[in-house]
C-alpha atoms as a PDB file:
ATOM      1  CA  UNK A   1    -212.668 -21.343  34.757  1.00  0.00           C
ATOM      2  CA  UNK A   2    -214.507 -23.247  32.034  1.00  0.00           C
ATOM      3  CA  UNK A   3    -218.061 -22.808  30.788  1.00  0.00           C
ATOM      4  CA  UNK A   4    -219.623 -25.207  28.259  1.00  0.00           C
ATOM      5  CA  UNK A   5    -222.754 -23.943  26.509  1.00  0.00           C
ATOM      6  CA  UNK A   6    -224.952 -26.715  25.078  1.00  0.00           C
ATOM      7  CA  UNK A   7    -227.518 -25.902  22.462  1.00  0.00           C
ATOM      8  CA  UNK A   8    -229.086 -27.474  19.410  1.00  0.00           C
ATOM      9  CA  UNK A   9    -232.333 -28.704  17.943  1.00  0.00           C
ATOM     10  CA  UNK A  10    -235.056 -30.111  20.164  1.00  0.00           C
ATOM     11  CA  UNK A  11    -234.844 -33.884  20.155  1.00  0.00           C
ATOM     12  CA  UNK A  12    -231.124 -33.906  19.204  1.00  0.00           C
ATOM     13  CA  UNK A  13    -229.872 -34.925  22.670  1.00  0.00           C
ATOM     14  CA  UNK A  14    -229.154 -31.673  24.576  1.00  0.00           C
ATOM     15  CA  UNK A  15    -230.460 -33.080  27.868  1.00  0.00           C
ATOM     16  CA  UNK A  16    -228.344 -36.230  27.427  1.00  0.00           C
ATOM     17  CA  UNK A  17    -225.253 -34.116  26.843  1.00  0.00           C
ATOM     18  CA  UNK A  18    -225.936 -31.872  29.834  1.00  0.00           C
ATOM     19  CA  UNK A  19    -226.592 -34.793  32.173  1.00  0.00           C
ATOM     20  CA  UNK A  20    -223.381 -36.473  30.962  1.00  0.00           C
ATOM     21  CA  UNK A  21    -221.369 -33.419  31.923  1.00  0.00           C
ATOM     22  CA  UNK A  22    -223.157 -33.238  35.245  1.00  0.00           C
ATOM     23  CA  UNK A  23    -222.209 -36.863  35.955  1.00  0.00           C
ATOM     24  CA  UNK A  24    -218.531 -36.000  35.327  1.00  0.00           C
ATOM     25  CA  UNK A  25    -218.399 -33.123  37.789  1.00  0.00           C
ATOM     26  CA  UNK A  26    -219.706 -30.072  35.906  1.00  0.00           C
ATOM     27  CA  UNK A  27    -222.082 -27.700  37.695  1.00  0.00           C
ATOM     28  CA  UNK A  28    -225.030 -27.642  35.299  1.00  0.00           C
ATOM     29  CA  UNK A  29    -228.034 -25.434  34.680  1.00  0.00           C
ATOM     30  CA  UNK A  30    -230.670 -26.249  32.026  1.00  0.00           C
ATOM     31  CA  UNK A  31    -232.760 -23.767  30.021  1.00  0.00           C
ATOM     32  CA  UNK A  32    -230.902 -20.663  31.138  1.00  0.00           C
ATOM     33  CA  UNK A  33    -232.231 -17.513  29.392  1.00  0.00           C
ATOM     34  CA  UNK A  34    -229.524 -16.022  27.178  1.00  0.00           C
ATOM     35  CA  UNK A  35    -230.215 -12.616  28.659  1.00  0.00           C
ATOM     36  CA  UNK A  36    -228.950 -13.969  32.003  1.00  0.00           C
ATOM     37  CA  UNK A  37    -225.819 -15.597  30.638  1.00  0.00           C
ATOM     38  CA  UNK A  38    -223.524 -12.611  31.188  1.00  0.00           C
ATOM     39  CA  UNK A  39    -224.817 -12.213  34.722  1.00  0.00           C
ATOM     40  CA  UNK A  40    -224.300 -15.917  35.355  1.00  0.00           C
ATOM     41  CA  UNK A  41    -220.707 -15.521  34.179  1.00  0.00           C
ATOM     42  CA  UNK A  42    -220.053 -12.659  36.584  1.00  0.00           C
ATOM     43  CA  UNK A  43    -221.684 -14.691  39.354  1.00  0.00           C
ATOM     44  CA  UNK A  44    -219.500 -17.780  38.959  1.00  0.00           C
ATOM     45  CA  UNK A  45    -216.411 -15.576  38.907  1.00  0.00           C
ATOM     46  CA  UNK A  46    -217.145 -14.507  42.462  1.00  0.00           C
ATOM     47  CA  UNK A  47    -219.097 -17.416  44.042  1.00  0.00           C
ATOM     48  CA  UNK A  48    -217.758 -20.852  44.875  1.00  0.00           C
ATOM     49  CA  UNK A  49    -220.180 -23.506  43.533  1.00  0.00           C
ATOM     50  CA  UNK A  50    -218.982 -26.355  45.729  1.00  0.00           C
ATOM     51  CA  UNK A  51    -215.377 -25.921  44.606  1.00  0.00           C
ATOM     52  CA  UNK A  52    -216.137 -26.488  40.929  1.00  0.00           C
ATOM     53  CA  UNK A  53    -214.435 -24.547  38.197  1.00  0.00           C
ATOM     54  CA  UNK A  54    -216.350 -26.334  35.408  1.00  0.00           C
ATOM     55  CA  UNK A  55    -219.850 -25.229  34.463  1.00  0.00           C
ATOM     56  CA  UNK A  56    -222.342 -26.099  31.766  1.00  0.00           C
ATOM     57  CA  UNK A  57    -225.585 -24.458  30.732  1.00  0.00           C
ATOM     58  CA  UNK A  58    -228.284 -25.572  28.319  1.00  0.00           C
ATOM     59  CA  UNK A  59    -229.812 -23.021  25.936  1.00  0.00           C
ATOM     60  CA  UNK A  60    -232.626 -23.661  23.500  1.00  0.00           C
ATOM     61  CA  UNK A  61    -234.804 -21.762  21.048  1.00  0.00           C
ATOM     62  CA  UNK A  62    -237.308 -20.638  23.679  1.00  0.00           C
ATOM     63  CA  UNK A  63    -235.439 -17.380  24.026  1.00  0.00           C
ATOM     64  CA  UNK A  64    -236.269 -13.980  22.676  1.00  0.00           C
ATOM     65  CA  UNK A  65    -235.155 -13.601  19.064  1.00  0.00           C
ATOM     66  CA  UNK A  66    -233.124 -10.507  19.976  1.00  0.00           C
ATOM     67  CA  UNK A  67    -231.281 -12.457  22.700  1.00  0.00           C
ATOM     68  CA  UNK A  68    -230.509 -15.328  20.312  1.00  0.00           C
ATOM     69  CA  UNK A  69    -229.088 -12.843  17.800  1.00  0.00           C
ATOM     70  CA  UNK A  70    -226.834 -11.410  20.500  1.00  0.00           C
ATOM     71  CA  UNK A  71    -225.309 -14.794  21.417  1.00  0.00           C
ATOM     72  CA  UNK A  72    -221.878 -14.185  19.808  1.00  0.00           C
ATOM     73  CA  UNK A  73    -221.641 -10.812  21.548  1.00  0.00           C
ATOM     74  CA  UNK A  74    -222.540 -12.361  24.912  1.00  0.00           C
ATOM     75  CA  UNK A  75    -219.862 -15.079  24.515  1.00  0.00           C
ATOM     76  CA  UNK A  76    -217.320 -12.336  23.804  1.00  0.00           C
ATOM     77  CA  UNK A  77    -218.371 -10.644  27.061  1.00  0.00           C
ATOM     78  CA  UNK A  78    -217.880 -13.888  29.005  1.00  0.00           C
ATOM     79  CA  UNK A  79    -214.434 -14.446  27.525  1.00  0.00           C
ATOM     80  CA  UNK A  80    -213.504 -10.873  28.433  1.00  0.00           C
ATOM     81  CA  UNK A  81    -214.241 -11.833  32.048  1.00  0.00           C
ATOM     82  CA  UNK A  82    -211.586 -14.540  31.831  1.00  0.00           C
ATOM     83  CA  UNK A  83    -214.041 -17.438  31.372  1.00  0.00           C
ATOM     84  CA  UNK A  84    -213.059 -20.136  28.865  1.00  0.00           C
ATOM     85  CA  UNK A  85    -216.259 -20.634  26.840  1.00  0.00           C
ATOM     86  CA  UNK A  86    -216.980 -23.584  24.581  1.00  0.00           C
ATOM     87  CA  UNK A  87    -220.210 -24.050  22.652  1.00  0.00           C
ATOM     88  CA  UNK A  88    -221.464 -27.532  21.796  1.00  0.00           C
ATOM     89  CA  UNK A  89    -224.210 -27.657  19.195  1.00  0.00           C
ATOM     90  CA  UNK A  90    -226.226 -30.815  18.552  1.00  0.00           C
ATOM     91  CA  UNK A  91    -228.032 -31.227  15.230  1.00  0.00           C
ATOM     92  CA  UNK A  92    -230.088 -33.963  13.603  1.00  0.00           C
ATOM     93  CA  UNK A  93    -231.687 -34.401  10.185  1.00  0.00           C
ATOM     94  CA  UNK A  94    -235.303 -33.228  10.110  1.00  0.00           C
ATOM     95  CA  UNK A  95    -236.734 -36.608   9.084  1.00  0.00           C
ATOM     96  CA  UNK A  96    -235.077 -38.234  12.082  1.00  0.00           C
ATOM     97  CA  UNK A  97    -236.380 -35.550  14.431  1.00  0.00           C
ATOM     98  CA  UNK A  98    -239.925 -36.024  13.130  1.00  0.00           C
ATOM     99  CA  UNK A  99    -239.620 -39.733  13.732  1.00  0.00           C
ATOM    100  CA  UNK A 100    -238.284 -39.214  17.274  1.00  0.00           C
ATOM    101  CA  UNK A 101    -241.100 -36.865  18.209  1.00  0.00           C
ATOM    102  CA  UNK A 102    -243.639 -39.267  16.725  1.00  0.00           C
ATOM    103  CA  UNK A 103    -242.234 -42.232  18.652  1.00  0.00           C
ATOM    104  CA  UNK A 104    -242.001 -40.397  21.993  1.00  0.00           C
ATOM    105  CA  UNK A 105    -245.266 -38.438  21.469  1.00  0.00           C
ATOM    106  CA  UNK A 106    -243.508 -35.354  22.768  1.00  0.00           C
ATOM    107  CA  UNK A 107    -244.531 -31.893  21.550  1.00  0.00           C
ATOM    108  CA  UNK A 108    -241.968 -29.725  19.871  1.00  0.00           C
ATOM    109  CA  UNK A 109    -241.547 -26.504  21.916  1.00  0.00           C
ATOM    110  CA  UNK A 110    -242.291 -24.313  18.897  1.00  0.00           C
ATOM    111  CA  UNK A 111    -245.114 -26.268  17.338  1.00  0.00           C
ATOM    112  CA  UNK A 112    -248.807 -25.462  17.832  1.00  0.00           C
ATOM    113  CA  UNK A 113    -252.098 -25.693  15.960  1.00  0.00           C
ATOM    114  CA  UNK A 114    -250.867 -23.137  13.393  1.00  0.00           C
ATOM    115  CA  UNK A 115    -247.303 -24.527  12.998  1.00  0.00           C
ATOM    116  CA  UNK A 116    -246.827 -28.203  12.117  1.00  0.00           C
ATOM    117  CA  UNK A 117    -243.774 -30.109  13.303  1.00  0.00           C
ATOM    118  CA  UNK A 118    -241.764 -29.820  10.103  1.00  0.00           C
ATOM    119  CA  UNK A 119    -242.175 -26.028  10.051  1.00  0.00           C
ATOM    120  CA  UNK A 120    -241.338 -25.815  13.765  1.00  0.00           C
ATOM    121  CA  UNK A 121    -238.055 -27.648  13.144  1.00  0.00           C
ATOM    122  CA  UNK A 122    -237.169 -25.316  10.279  1.00  0.00           C
ATOM    123  CA  UNK A 123    -238.019 -22.285  12.394  1.00  0.00           C
ATOM    124  CA  UNK A 124    -235.876 -23.585  15.252  1.00  0.00           C
ATOM    125  CA  UNK A 125    -232.958 -23.985  12.869  1.00  0.00           C
ATOM    126  CA  UNK A 126    -233.316 -20.347  11.810  1.00  0.00           C
ATOM    127  CA  UNK A 127    -233.522 -19.126  15.386  1.00  0.00           C
ATOM    128  CA  UNK A 128    -230.481 -21.054  16.503  1.00  0.00           C
ATOM    129  CA  UNK A 129    -228.309 -20.072  13.528  1.00  0.00           C
ATOM    130  CA  UNK A 130    -226.255 -17.494  15.537  1.00  0.00           C
ATOM    131  CA  UNK A 131    -225.359 -20.189  18.053  1.00  0.00           C
ATOM    132  CA  UNK A 132    -224.505 -22.729  15.358  1.00  0.00           C
ATOM    133  CA  UNK A 133    -222.218 -20.226  13.634  1.00  0.00           C
ATOM    134  CA  UNK A 134    -220.338 -19.661  16.914  1.00  0.00           C
ATOM    135  CA  UNK A 135    -220.172 -23.364  17.893  1.00  0.00           C
ATOM    136  CA  UNK A 136    -216.786 -24.851  18.726  1.00  0.00           C
ATOM    137  CA  UNK A 137    -217.990 -28.432  18.370  1.00  0.00           C
ATOM    138  CA  UNK A 138    -220.950 -29.709  16.300  1.00  0.00           C
ATOM    139  CA  UNK A 139    -222.192 -33.254  16.792  1.00  0.00           C
ATOM    140  CA  UNK A 140    -224.670 -34.755  14.345  1.00  0.00           C
ATOM    141  CA  UNK A 141    -226.818 -37.247  16.282  1.00  0.00           C
ATOM    142  CA  UNK A 142    -228.862 -38.514  13.305  1.00  0.00           C
ATOM    143  CA  UNK A 143    -227.187 -41.945  13.452  1.00  0.00           C
ATOM    144  CA  UNK A 144    -226.116 -41.753  17.104  1.00  0.00           C
ATOM    145  CA  UNK A 145    -227.726 -43.674  19.974  1.00  0.00           C
ATOM    146  CA  UNK A 146    -228.098 -42.250  23.464  1.00  0.00           C
ATOM    147  CA  UNK A 147    -225.227 -44.400  24.707  1.00  0.00           C
ATOM    148  CA  UNK A 148    -222.972 -43.331  21.855  1.00  0.00           C
ATOM    149  CA  UNK A 149    -223.770 -39.675  22.471  1.00  0.00           C
ATOM    150  CA  UNK A 150    -222.878 -39.995  26.137  1.00  0.00           C
ATOM    151  CA  UNK A 151    -219.544 -41.562  25.191  1.00  0.00           C
ATOM    152  CA  UNK A 152    -218.825 -38.882  22.568  1.00  0.00           C
ATOM    153  CA  UNK A 153    -219.506 -36.107  25.093  1.00  0.00           C
ATOM    154  CA  UNK A 154    -217.342 -37.759  27.724  1.00  0.00           C
ATOM    155  CA  UNK A 155    -214.449 -38.296  25.294  1.00  0.00           C
ATOM    156  CA  UNK A 156    -214.556 -34.855  23.689  1.00  0.00           C
ATOM    157  CA  UNK A 157    -215.725 -32.466  26.416  1.00  0.00           C
ATOM    158  CA  UNK A 158    -214.219 -33.932  29.590  1.00  0.00           C
ATOM    159  CA  UNK A 159    -210.648 -32.878  29.043  1.00  0.00           C
ATOM    160  CA  UNK A 160    -208.090 -30.349  30.200  1.00  0.00           C
ATOM    161  CA  UNK A 161    -208.856 -26.790  29.002  1.00  0.00           C
ATOM    162  CA  UNK A 162    -206.843 -25.348  26.104  1.00  0.00           C
ATOM    163  CA  UNK A 163    -206.038 -28.826  24.729  1.00  0.00           C
ATOM    164  CA  UNK A 164    -207.184 -30.060  21.361  1.00  0.00           C
ATOM    165  CA  UNK A 165    -209.700 -32.902  21.234  1.00  0.00           C
ATOM    166  CA  UNK A 166    -208.981 -34.970  18.127  1.00  0.00           C
ATOM    167  CA  UNK A 167    -211.522 -37.475  16.772  1.00  0.00           C
ATOM    168  CA  UNK A 168    -210.960 -39.964  13.972  1.00  0.00           C
ATOM    169  CA  UNK A 169    -214.258 -41.217  12.587  1.00  0.00           C
ATOM    170  CA  UNK A 170    -214.798 -43.956  10.023  1.00  0.00           C
ATOM    171  CA  UNK A 171    -217.963 -43.987   7.930  1.00  0.00           C
ATOM    172  CA  UNK A 172    -219.530 -45.463   4.807  1.00  0.00           C
ATOM    173  CA  UNK A 173    -220.233 -43.138   1.895  1.00  0.00           C
ATOM    174  CA  UNK A 174    -223.421 -45.048   1.033  1.00  0.00           C
ATOM    175  CA  UNK A 175    -224.829 -43.885   4.379  1.00  0.00           C
ATOM    176  CA  UNK A 176    -223.809 -40.236   3.875  1.00  0.00           C
ATOM    177  CA  UNK A 177    -220.813 -38.071   4.791  1.00  0.00           C
ATOM    178  CA  UNK A 178    -220.730 -36.870   8.446  1.00  0.00           C
ATOM    179  CA  UNK A 179    -221.858 -33.256   8.474  1.00  0.00           C
ATOM    180  CA  UNK A 180    -219.813 -32.451  11.569  1.00  0.00           C
ATOM    181  CA  UNK A 181    -216.402 -33.374  10.150  1.00  0.00           C
ATOM    182  CA  UNK A 182    -213.602 -30.831   9.681  1.00  0.00           C
ATOM    183  CA  UNK A 183    -211.638 -33.034   7.279  1.00  0.00           C
ATOM    184  CA  UNK A 184    -213.111 -35.765   5.057  1.00  0.00           C
ATOM    185  CA  UNK A 185    -210.815 -38.250   3.315  1.00  0.00           C
ATOM    186  CA  UNK A 186    -211.970 -40.861   0.779  1.00  0.00           C
ATOM    187  CA  UNK A 187    -210.261 -44.282   0.855  1.00  0.00           C
ATOM    188  CA  UNK A 188    -212.453 -45.957  -1.764  1.00  0.00           C
ATOM    189  CA  UNK A 189    -209.467 -45.908  -4.123  1.00  0.00           C
ATOM    190  CA  UNK A 190    -207.739 -48.556  -1.935  1.00  0.00           C
ATOM    191  CA  UNK A 191    -208.032 -52.339  -2.410  1.00  0.00           C
ATOM    192  CA  UNK A 192    -211.306 -53.522  -0.922  1.00  0.00           C
ATOM    193  CA  UNK A 193    -211.367 -56.574   1.415  1.00  0.00           C
ATOM    194  CA  UNK A 194    -215.088 -56.854   0.680  1.00  0.00           C
ATOM    195  CA  UNK A 195    -214.230 -58.697  -2.519  1.00  0.00           C
ATOM    196  CA  UNK A 196    -212.319 -61.369  -0.592  1.00  0.00           C
ATOM    197  CA  UNK A 197    -215.046 -63.829   0.473  1.00  0.00           C
ATOM    198  CA  UNK A 198    -213.278 -64.877   3.676  1.00  0.00           C
ATOM    199  CA  UNK A 199    -212.769 -61.225   4.743  1.00  0.00           C
ATOM    200  CA  UNK A 200    -216.192 -59.871   3.816  1.00  0.00           C
ATOM    201  CA  UNK A 201    -217.902 -60.636   7.149  1.00  0.00           C
ATOM    202  CA  UNK A 202    -215.018 -59.160   9.179  1.00  0.00           C
ATOM    203  CA  UNK A 203    -214.112 -55.507   9.890  1.00  0.00           C
ATOM    204  CA  UNK A 204    -211.022 -53.352   9.625  1.00  0.00           C
ATOM    205  CA  UNK A 205    -210.245 -54.204  13.258  1.00  0.00           C
ATOM    206  CA  UNK A 206    -209.836 -57.918  12.583  1.00  0.00           C
ATOM    207  CA  UNK A 207    -206.219 -59.132  12.339  1.00  0.00           C
ATOM    208  CA  UNK A 208    -206.846 -60.891   9.018  1.00  0.00           C
ATOM    209  CA  UNK A 209    -208.207 -57.735   7.421  1.00  0.00           C
ATOM    210  CA  UNK A 210    -205.337 -55.719   8.926  1.00  0.00           C
ATOM    211  CA  UNK A 211    -202.810 -58.207   7.480  1.00  0.00           C
ATOM    212  CA  UNK A 212    -204.475 -58.042   4.050  1.00  0.00           C
ATOM    213  CA  UNK A 213    -204.429 -54.224   3.935  1.00  0.00           C
ATOM    214  CA  UNK A 214    -200.882 -53.918   5.260  1.00  0.00           C
ATOM    215  CA  UNK A 215    -199.678 -56.058   2.347  1.00  0.00           C
ATOM    216  CA  UNK A 216    -200.955 -53.416  -0.085  1.00  0.00           C
ATOM    217  CA  UNK A 217    -198.370 -50.825  -1.037  1.00  0.00           C
ATOM    218  CA  UNK A 218    -201.067 -48.267  -1.916  1.00  0.00           C
ATOM    219  CA  UNK A 219    -202.550 -48.556   1.572  1.00  0.00           C
ATOM    220  CA  UNK A 220    -199.168 -47.945   3.204  1.00  0.00           C
ATOM    221  CA  UNK A 221    -198.515 -44.945   0.987  1.00  0.00           C
ATOM    222  CA  UNK A 222    -201.970 -43.482   1.665  1.00  0.00           C
ATOM    223  CA  UNK A 223    -201.616 -43.778   5.437  1.00  0.00           C
ATOM    224  CA  UNK A 224    -198.081 -42.330   5.411  1.00  0.00           C
ATOM    225  CA  UNK A 225    -199.072 -39.342   3.287  1.00  0.00           C
ATOM    226  CA  UNK A 226    -202.228 -38.682   5.227  1.00  0.00           C
ATOM    227  CA  UNK A 227    -200.299 -38.871   8.502  1.00  0.00           C
ATOM    228  CA  UNK A 228    -197.786 -36.353   7.182  1.00  0.00           C
ATOM    229  CA  UNK A 229    -200.545 -33.995   6.079  1.00  0.00           C
ATOM    230  CA  UNK A 230    -202.222 -34.082   9.497  1.00  0.00           C
ATOM    231  CA  UNK A 231    -198.975 -33.764  11.421  1.00  0.00           C
ATOM    232  CA  UNK A 232    -198.284 -30.598   9.399  1.00  0.00           C
ATOM    233  CA  UNK A 233    -201.712 -28.952   9.705  1.00  0.00           C
ATOM    234  CA  UNK A 234    -203.153 -29.971  13.068  1.00  0.00           C
ATOM    235  CA  UNK A 235    -200.655 -27.716  14.907  1.00  0.00           C
ATOM    236  CA  UNK A 236    -201.814 -24.825  12.696  1.00  0.00           C
ATOM    237  CA  UNK A 237    -205.370 -25.325  13.991  1.00  0.00           C
ATOM    238  CA  UNK A 238    -204.035 -25.410  17.560  1.00  0.00           C
ATOM    239  CA  UNK A 239    -202.310 -22.103  17.053  1.00  0.00           C
ATOM    240  CA  UNK A 240    -205.695 -20.703  16.104  1.00  0.00           C
ATOM    241  CA  UNK A 241    -207.032 -21.897  19.500  1.00  0.00           C
ATOM    242  CA  UNK A 242    -209.206 -24.612  18.069  1.00  0.00           C
ATOM    243  CA  UNK A 243    -210.491 -26.936  20.766  1.00  0.00           C
ATOM    244  CA  UNK A 244    -211.963 -29.703  18.567  1.00  0.00           C
ATOM    245  CA  UNK A 245    -211.014 -31.318  15.297  1.00  0.00           C
ATOM    246  CA  UNK A 246    -212.825 -34.204  13.575  1.00  0.00           C
ATOM    247  CA  UNK A 247    -211.141 -36.221  10.821  1.00  0.00           C
ATOM    248  CA  UNK A 248    -213.568 -38.437   8.925  1.00  0.00           C
ATOM    249  CA  UNK A 249    -212.346 -41.391   6.838  1.00  0.00           C
ATOM    250  CA  UNK A 250    -214.840 -42.906   4.379  1.00  0.00           C
ATOM    251  CA  UNK A 251    -214.999 -46.048   2.303  1.00  0.00           C
ATOM    252  CA  UNK A 252    -218.023 -47.593   0.604  1.00  0.00           C
ATOM    253  CA  UNK A 253    -219.712 -49.363   3.534  1.00  0.00           C
ATOM    254  CA  UNK A 254    -217.667 -48.182   6.505  1.00  0.00           C
ATOM    255  CA  UNK A 255    -216.608 -51.705   7.436  1.00  0.00           C
ATOM    256  CA  UNK A 256    -213.063 -52.369   6.285  1.00  0.00           C
ATOM    257  CA  UNK A 257    -210.790 -49.729   4.750  1.00  0.00           C
ATOM    258  CA  UNK A 258    -212.061 -46.689   6.607  1.00  0.00           C
ATOM    259  CA  UNK A 259    -211.995 -48.564   9.906  1.00  0.00           C
ATOM    260  CA  UNK A 260    -208.438 -49.729   9.341  1.00  0.00           C
ATOM    261  CA  UNK A 261    -207.132 -46.254   8.353  1.00  0.00           C
ATOM    262  CA  UNK A 262    -208.912 -44.558  11.233  1.00  0.00           C
ATOM    263  CA  UNK A 263    -207.421 -47.091  13.680  1.00  0.00           C
ATOM    264  CA  UNK A 264    -203.902 -46.554  12.270  1.00  0.00           C
ATOM    265  CA  UNK A 265    -204.183 -42.770  12.491  1.00  0.00           C
ATOM    266  CA  UNK A 266    -205.571 -42.809  16.011  1.00  0.00           C
ATOM    267  CA  UNK A 267    -202.762 -45.132  17.161  1.00  0.00           C
ATOM    268  CA  UNK A 268    -200.164 -42.880  15.573  1.00  0.00           C
ATOM    269  CA  UNK A 269    -201.424 -39.639  17.100  1.00  0.00           C
ATOM    270  CA  UNK A 270    -201.976 -41.220  20.520  1.00  0.00           C
ATOM    271  CA  UNK A 271    -198.204 -41.699  20.701  1.00  0.00           C
ATOM    272  CA  UNK A 272    -197.713 -37.965  21.093  1.00  0.00           C
ATOM    273  CA  UNK A 273    -201.112 -36.576  22.121  1.00  0.00           C
ATOM    274  CA  UNK A 274    -203.725 -36.821  24.837  1.00  0.00           C
ATOM    275  CA  UNK A 275    -207.440 -36.603  24.021  1.00  0.00           C
ATOM    276  CA  UNK A 276    -207.398 -38.627  20.841  1.00  0.00           C
ATOM    277  CA  UNK A 277    -210.549 -40.653  20.339  1.00  0.00           C
ATOM    278  CA  UNK A 278    -211.958 -42.914  17.616  1.00  0.00           C
ATOM    279  CA  UNK A 279    -215.474 -43.658  16.385  1.00  0.00           C
ATOM    280  CA  UNK A 280    -216.641 -46.192  13.830  1.00  0.00           C
ATOM    281  CA  UNK A 281    -220.054 -44.901  12.821  1.00  0.00           C
ATOM    282  CA  UNK A 282    -221.226 -47.898  10.836  1.00  0.00           C
ATOM    283  CA  UNK A 283    -219.927 -50.572  13.204  1.00  0.00           C
ATOM    284  CA  UNK A 284    -222.353 -49.456  15.887  1.00  0.00           C
END
């Protein structure tokens, strides 16, 4: 039996994630009080919810502070019942959240006449810290659209239990390093197709860019050595019962080198593994 707990900052996409799981066959409940989470776990162990063995609950900051602080303890209780628990935490940069609330004219659940939006977001971060610390998967939605978030949730959460979900993500350093990555590798030391005028408008997926990079001995050596490193250490994470691993590859703009390397790595690991996905953050 599998239980996914979805939490995160207001405006970061919790409802989108929960609805995505519901569409893929999860039995979902939104805004469940943490104090009832253990009781819910005991309930689903004994009651058939339409034949489902996959459940998801949404939890936000509108819980008692004491209950939020007990979150890790409650998850331990659920796992002691034989329930496989996974916590997905969604986060977004404060400036982006302020913009989203301004555009939608929604009210932040913690804001009022005495607490402006920026302070409400900071307070929510403090309240949810125990959940963030226990999270199995963190997704930063600052640069993610609703459609991309749905796809990420489907690719990473809708999988067989006890199997590792491996994501290769390309990005551009000039737009910031992904905060939700487990490994970050810098490929800015490799020859840059950007300086070839005929390759500049293309991406690392285009056959001409691929051919250019594969002619470079340094690129071949980098990919081979990085592949060897990951082949050595990913099994170590699996032995520690990790469910999710994100490998981020960054070049300057996230268009050529990082895209190519991420594609090569994903293709290599798909030969031996299920649940390998790829995301090109800047190409979206």
